[in-house]
Amino acid sequence: MGEWLSYIDTMLKMERRFGTKELPELSKVKFHQTMQGQQEYLEEWADRVLTIATPAF
């Protein structure tokens, strides 16, 4: 208390305490724009899509 922090330090402390929350709209956009990479295996891509889809829907 009484300590001056930079904006970045303040945001990092808040994220650690409250967690990061992404807007549902942003999650949906990320989901719809997800494409399989050229060197990415199908299983890896499916795991990534599932990770993105969970908060989106």
C-alpha atoms as a PDB file:
ATOM      1  CA  MET A   1       0.000   0.000   0.000  1.00  0.00           C
ATOM      2  CA  GLY A   2       1.305   3.425  -0.852  1.00  0.00           C
ATOM      3  CA  GLU A   3       3.588   1.921  -3.488  1.00  0.00           C
ATOM      4  CA  TRP A   4       3.580   3.472  -6.989  1.00  0.00           C
ATOM      5  CA  LEU A   5       3.371   0.917  -9.808  1.00  0.00           C
ATOM      6  CA  SER A   6       3.536   1.266 -13.536  1.00  0.00           C
ATOM      7  CA  TYR A   7       0.457   0.478 -15.611  1.00  0.00           C
ATOM      8  CA  ILE A   8       1.956  -2.837 -16.764  1.00  0.00           C
ATOM      9  CA  ASP A   9       2.824  -3.908 -13.215  1.00  0.00           C
ATOM     10  CA  THR A  10      -0.675  -2.970 -12.067  1.00  0.00           C
ATOM     11  CA  MET A  11      -2.293  -4.989 -14.862  1.00  0.00           C
ATOM     12  CA  LEU A  12      -0.067  -8.009 -14.171  1.00  0.00           C
ATOM     13  CA  LYS A  13      -0.983  -7.956 -10.477  1.00  0.00           C
ATOM     14  CA  MET A  14      -4.680  -7.682 -11.306  1.00  0.00           C
ATOM     15  CA  GLU A  15      -4.451 -10.569 -13.797  1.00  0.00           C
ATOM     16  CA  ARG A  16      -2.698 -12.725 -11.200  1.00  0.00           C
ATOM     17  CA  ARG A  17      -5.376 -11.949  -8.627  1.00  0.00           C
ATOM     18  CA  PHE A  18      -8.516 -12.033 -10.747  1.00  0.00           C
ATOM     19  CA  GLY A  19      -7.395 -14.035 -13.785  1.00  0.00           C
ATOM     20  CA  THR A  20      -7.607 -12.909 -17.373  1.00  0.00           C
ATOM     21  CA  LYS A  21     -11.006 -12.783 -18.967  1.00  0.00           C
ATOM     22  CA  GLU A  22     -11.581 -12.526 -22.671  1.00  0.00           C
ATOM     23  CA  LEU A  23     -14.717 -11.087 -24.192  1.00  0.00           C
ATOM     24  CA  PRO A  24     -16.988 -13.783 -25.697  1.00  0.00           C
ATOM     25  CA  GLU A  25     -17.042 -11.892 -28.994  1.00  0.00           C
ATOM     26  CA  LEU A  26     -13.252 -11.981 -29.234  1.00  0.00           C
ATOM     27  CA  SER A  27     -13.245 -15.709 -28.472  1.00  0.00           C
ATOM     28  CA  LYS A  28     -15.760 -16.322 -31.264  1.00  0.00           C
ATOM     29  CA  VAL A  29     -13.681 -14.326 -33.756  1.00  0.00           C
ATOM     30  CA  LYS A  30     -10.565 -16.300 -32.827  1.00  0.00           C
ATOM     31  CA  PHE A  31     -12.506 -19.541 -33.260  1.00  0.00           C
ATOM     32  CA  HIS A  32     -13.791 -18.595 -36.708  1.00  0.00           C
ATOM     33  CA  GLN A  33     -10.333 -17.503 -37.883  1.00  0.00           C
ATOM     34  CA  THR A  34      -8.476 -20.590 -36.697  1.00  0.00           C
ATOM     35  CA  MET A  35      -6.686 -22.462 -39.457  1.00  0.00           C
ATOM     36  CA  GLN A  36      -4.439 -25.496 -39.362  1.00  0.00           C
ATOM     37  CA  GLY A  37      -0.759 -24.622 -39.785  1.00  0.00           C
ATOM     38  CA  GLN A  38       1.292 -26.196 -42.559  1.00  0.00           C
ATOM     39  CA  GLN A  39       3.528 -28.137 -40.156  1.00  0.00           C
ATOM     40  CA  GLU A  40       0.783 -28.786 -37.582  1.00  0.00           C
ATOM     41  CA  TYR A  41      -0.584 -32.278 -37.088  1.00  0.00           C
ATOM     42  CA  LEU A  42      -4.352 -32.747 -37.193  1.00  0.00           C
ATOM     43  CA  GLU A  43      -4.441 -33.812 -33.526  1.00  0.00           C
ATOM     44  CA  GLU A  44      -2.540 -30.681 -32.451  1.00  0.00           C
ATOM     45  CA  TRP A  45      -4.863 -28.467 -34.461  1.00  0.00           C
ATOM     46  CA  ALA A  46      -7.937 -30.199 -33.009  1.00  0.00           C
ATOM     47  CA  ASP A  47      -6.630 -29.624 -29.469  1.00  0.00           C
ATOM     48  CA  ARG A  48      -6.015 -25.951 -30.245  1.00  0.00           C
ATOM     49  CA  VAL A  49      -9.502 -25.553 -31.740  1.00  0.00           C
ATOM     50  CA  LEU A  50     -11.073 -27.193 -28.699  1.00  0.00           C
ATOM     51  CA  THR A  51      -9.126 -24.872 -26.388  1.00  0.00           C
ATOM     52  CA  ILE A  52     -10.352 -21.843 -28.334  1.00  0.00           C
ATOM     53  CA  ALA A  53     -13.942 -23.102 -28.693  1.00  0.00           C
ATOM     54  CA  THR A  54     -14.492 -23.765 -24.998  1.00  0.00           C
ATOM     55  CA  PRO A  55     -14.628 -20.101 -23.878  1.00  0.00           C
ATOM     56  CA  ALA A  56     -16.252 -19.012 -27.169  1.00  0.00           C
ATOM     57  CA  PHE A  57     -19.320 -21.191 -26.816  1.00  0.00           C
END
